[in-house]
C-alpha atoms as a PDB file:
ATOM      1  CA  MET A   1      61.565-116.215 -19.270  1.00  0.00           C
ATOM      2  CA  LYS A   2      60.187-113.522 -16.988  1.00  0.00           C
ATOM      3  CA  ALA A   3      59.947-114.293 -13.187  1.00  0.00           C
ATOM      4  CA  ILE A   4      56.136-114.189 -13.362  1.00  0.00           C
ATOM      5  CA  ALA A   5      55.827-116.978 -15.933  1.00  0.00           C
ATOM      6  CA  PRO A   6      56.500-119.856 -13.513  1.00  0.00           C
ATOM      7  CA  VAL A   7      53.870-118.438 -11.229  1.00  0.00           C
ATOM      8  CA  LEU A   8      51.317-118.455 -14.000  1.00  0.00           C
ATOM      9  CA  TRP A   9      52.101-122.020 -14.991  1.00  0.00           C
ATOM     10  CA  GLY A  10      51.675-122.976 -11.319  1.00  0.00           C
ATOM     11  CA  ALA A  11      48.439-121.168 -11.141  1.00  0.00           C
ATOM     12  CA  ALA A  12      47.197-122.984 -14.293  1.00  0.00           C
ATOM     13  CA  VAL A  13      48.001-126.398 -12.681  1.00  0.00           C
ATOM     14  CA  ILE A  14      46.252-125.433  -9.471  1.00  0.00           C
ATOM     15  CA  LEU A  15      43.192-124.184 -11.423  1.00  0.00           C
ATOM     16  CA  VAL A  16      42.956-127.468 -13.312  1.00  0.00           C
ATOM     17  CA  ALA A  17      43.243-129.389 -10.002  1.00  0.00           C
ATOM     18  CA  LEU A  18      40.530-127.259  -8.449  1.00  0.00           C
ATOM     19  CA  LEU A  19      38.234-127.794 -11.401  1.00  0.00           C
ATOM     20  CA  ASN A  20      38.780-131.475 -11.046  1.00  0.00           C
ATOM     21  CA  ILE A  21      37.837-131.443  -7.278  1.00  0.00           C
ATOM     22  CA  VAL A  22      34.513-129.706  -8.059  1.00  0.00           C
ATOM     23  CA  ASP A  23      33.924-132.133 -10.886  1.00  0.00           C
ATOM     24  CA  VAL A  24      33.831-129.587 -13.741  1.00  0.00           C
ATOM     25  CA  LEU A  25      36.528-131.448 -15.761  1.00  0.00           C
ATOM     26  CA  PRO A  26      36.473-135.145 -16.483  1.00  0.00           C
ATOM     27  CA  ASP A  27      39.430-137.145 -15.196  1.00  0.00           C
ATOM     28  CA  TRP A  28      41.017-137.617 -18.606  1.00  0.00           C
ATOM     29  CA  ALA A  29      41.057-133.908 -19.257  1.00  0.00           C
ATOM     30  CA  THR A  30      42.735-133.234 -15.875  1.00  0.00           C
ATOM     31  CA  ILE A  31      45.397-135.792 -16.562  1.00  0.00           C
ATOM     32  CA  ALA A  32      46.084-134.466 -19.999  1.00  0.00           C
ATOM     33  CA  ALA A  33      46.309-130.915 -18.754  1.00  0.00           C
ATOM     34  CA  ILE A  34      48.702-131.815 -15.955  1.00  0.00           C
ATOM     35  CA  LEU A  35      50.921-133.782 -18.329  1.00  0.00           C
ATOM     36  CA  THR A  36      50.781-131.144 -21.054  1.00  0.00           C
ATOM     37  CA  LEU A  37      51.426-127.909 -18.944  1.00  0.00           C
ATOM     38  CA  PRO A  38      55.046-128.648 -18.004  1.00  0.00           C
ATOM     39  CA  PHE A  39      55.958-129.384 -21.636  1.00  0.00           C
ATOM     40  CA  LEU A  40      54.428-126.073 -22.713  1.00  0.00           C
ATOM     41  CA  ALA A  41      56.289-124.306 -19.968  1.00  0.00           C
ATOM     42  CA  VAL A  42      59.559-125.708 -21.123  1.00  0.00           C
ATOM     43  CA  ALA A  43      58.816-124.881 -24.750  1.00  0.00           C
ATOM     44  CA  THR A  44      57.931-121.333 -23.948  1.00  0.00           C
ATOM     45  CA  GLY A  45      61.110-120.931 -21.816  1.00  0.00           C
ATOM     46  CA  THR A  46      63.304-122.240 -24.534  1.00  0.00           C
ATOM     47  CA  ARG A  47      61.925-119.842 -27.170  1.00  0.00           C
ATOM     48  CA  CYS A  48      62.384-116.894 -24.792  1.00  0.00           C
ATOM     49  CA  GLY A  49      66.033-117.874 -24.139  1.00  0.00           C
ATOM     50  CA  LEU A  50      66.814-118.224 -27.856  1.00  0.00           C
ATOM     51  CA  ARG A  51      65.215-114.896 -28.649  1.00  0.00           C
ATOM     52  CA  LYS A  52      67.403-113.102 -25.997  1.00  0.00           C
ATOM     53  CA  ALA A  53      70.606-114.736 -27.199  1.00  0.00           C
ATOM     54  CA  ALA A  54      70.125-113.902 -30.791  1.00  0.00           C
END
């Protein structure tokens, strides 16, 4: 995984939080996004590691 990828995932989480603060997103969407983003980050990192090793 490139060094910039964790920064992008962090920015996505912060963006979702800010959208929730200004009431653009409903609460259920915010919770779903915050719970889903780490799993997507792990899945993306795992694929990158496997591609390099092969």
